[in-house]
Amino acid sequence: QVQPVESGGGLVQAGASLRLSCTASDRTFSWNNVAWFRQAPGKDREFVARISWSGQNTWYAEPVKGRFTISKDNAKNTIYLQMNSLKPEDTADYYCEAGGIWGQGTTVTVSS
């Protein structure tokens, strides 16, 4: 199983949107649930969202419900996290996890 690679982070203003991507070089996402986690400075890593291997089921943490959407493109071996209405408290390093393998993370900074 290969380490997934996250991308799409950046610096945005509050209210803006970003789309994070998590890509695998193999078909890991075809048979694993995939999750996004985040870790803000000085805080523990926390769950953000998860999508089932089939793509039919999704789960979200309460702070992001209604603002974030997780999806997958099997043809591209990629998981997306669409983040809308971003808030300063969404500032964190965002990590993708599949089958116990973690990516290196991508940084999201939301200014007020």
Protein backbone atom coordinates (compact mmCIF):
# COMPACT_ATOMS: atom_id res chain seq x y z
CA GLN A 1 0.00 0.00 0.00
CA VAL A 2 1.38 3.35 -1.07
CA GLN A 3 1.35 6.57 0.92
CA PRO A 4 -1.38 8.91 -0.32
CA VAL A 5 -0.43 12.44 -1.36
CA GLU A 6 -2.47 15.47 -0.36
CA SER A 7 -2.62 18.76 -2.25
CA GLY A 8 -4.75 21.86 -2.59
CA GLY A 9 -4.02 23.68 0.63
CA GLY A 10 -3.38 27.39 0.75
CA LEU A 11 -4.07 30.74 2.35
CA VAL A 12 -7.59 32.09 1.92
CA GLN A 13 -9.88 34.60 3.58
CA ALA A 14 -12.81 33.63 5.75
CA GLY A 15 -15.81 32.68 3.63
CA ALA A 16 -13.74 31.38 0.76
CA SER A 17 -13.58 27.83 -0.60
CA LEU A 18 -10.80 25.33 -1.19
CA ARG A 19 -10.73 21.83 -2.60
CA LEU A 20 -8.22 19.40 -1.19
CA SER A 21 -7.16 16.31 -3.10
CA CYS A 22 -5.73 13.05 -1.86
CA THR A 23 -4.26 10.84 -4.54
CA ALA A 24 -2.96 7.30 -4.43
CA SER A 25 -0.68 5.73 -7.01
CA ASP A 26 -2.44 2.40 -6.64
CA ARG A 27 -6.06 1.33 -6.16
CA THR A 28 -5.95 1.66 -2.38
CA PHE A 29 -9.09 3.79 -2.37
CA SER A 30 -11.05 1.11 -4.17
CA TRP A 31 -11.06 -1.19 -1.15
CA ASN A 32 -10.51 1.14 1.83
CA ASN A 33 -12.59 3.74 3.53
CA VAL A 34 -10.70 7.02 3.30
CA ALA A 35 -10.74 9.78 5.87
CA TRP A 36 -9.60 13.34 6.24
CA PHE A 37 -8.21 14.50 9.54
CA ARG A 38 -6.79 17.85 10.57
CA GLN A 39 -4.43 19.13 13.18
CA ALA A 40 -4.41 22.75 14.24
CA PRO A 41 -1.33 24.29 15.88
CA GLY A 42 -1.08 23.12 19.46
CA LYS A 43 -4.05 20.78 19.18
CA ASP A 44 -4.60 17.07 18.72
CA ARG A 45 -5.38 15.61 15.33
CA GLU A 46 -9.14 15.41 14.80
CA PHE A 47 -11.46 13.63 12.43
CA VAL A 48 -13.01 15.72 9.65
CA ALA A 49 -14.75 13.41 7.18
CA ARG A 50 -14.78 9.84 5.87
CA ILE A 51 -16.03 8.17 2.72
CA SER A 52 -16.68 4.46 2.34
CA TRP A 53 -14.77 2.39 -0.20
CA SER A 54 -17.90 2.26 -2.36
CA GLY A 55 -18.41 5.99 -2.14
CA GLN A 56 -21.98 5.45 -1.04
CA ASN A 57 -21.53 6.46 2.59
CA THR A 58 -20.02 9.57 4.09
CA TRP A 59 -19.52 10.81 7.62
CA TYR A 60 -18.65 14.28 8.90
CA ALA A 61 -17.51 15.89 12.10
CA GLU A 62 -20.07 18.31 13.52
CA PRO A 63 -17.96 21.46 12.98
CA VAL A 64 -17.82 20.87 9.22
CA LYS A 65 -21.27 19.47 8.48
CA GLY A 66 -23.00 21.45 5.79
CA ARG A 67 -19.78 23.17 4.74
CA PHE A 68 -17.44 20.34 3.69
CA THR A 69 -18.12 17.58 1.19
CA ILE A 70 -16.02 14.47 0.70
CA SER A 71 -16.13 12.64 -2.61
CA LYS A 72 -14.09 10.22 -4.67
CA ASP A 73 -13.10 9.66 -8.27
CA ASN A 74 -12.16 6.03 -8.70
CA ALA A 75 -10.81 6.56 -12.19
CA LYS A 76 -8.30 9.06 -10.82
CA ASN A 77 -7.66 7.21 -7.52
CA THR A 78 -8.42 10.50 -5.82
CA ILE A 79 -10.44 11.62 -2.82
CA TYR A 80 -11.60 15.23 -2.62
CA LEU A 81 -12.56 17.45 0.27
CA GLN A 82 -14.55 20.45 -0.90
CA MET A 83 -14.44 23.08 1.81
CA ASN A 84 -16.85 25.99 1.60
CA SER A 85 -17.53 28.90 3.92
CA LEU A 86 -14.15 28.49 5.51
CA LYS A 87 -13.59 29.89 8.98
CA PRO A 88 -10.37 30.84 10.78
CA GLU A 89 -10.91 27.83 13.05
CA ASP A 90 -10.54 25.57 10.00
CA THR A 91 -6.87 26.54 9.90
CA ALA A 92 -4.88 23.32 10.22
CA ASP A 93 -2.75 20.75 8.49
CA TYR A 94 -5.07 18.37 6.70
CA TYR A 95 -4.20 14.70 6.36
CA CYS A 96 -5.62 11.88 4.31
CA GLU A 97 -5.73 8.36 5.76
CA ALA A 98 -6.51 5.05 4.09
CA GLY A 99 -5.94 1.59 5.49
CA GLY A 100 -3.84 2.98 8.30
CA ILE A 101 -1.50 4.79 5.91
CA TRP A 102 -1.24 8.55 6.31
CA GLY A 103 -0.23 11.19 3.84
CA GLN A 104 2.20 14.00 4.58
CA GLY A 105 -0.52 16.61 4.86
CA THR A 106 -1.40 19.91 3.25
CA THR A 107 -1.75 23.21 5.08
CA VAL A 108 -4.89 25.32 5.09
CA THR A 109 -4.78 28.80 6.54
CA VAL A 110 -7.94 30.88 6.81
CA SER A 111 -7.51 34.54 7.67
CA SER A 112 -10.22 36.61 9.32
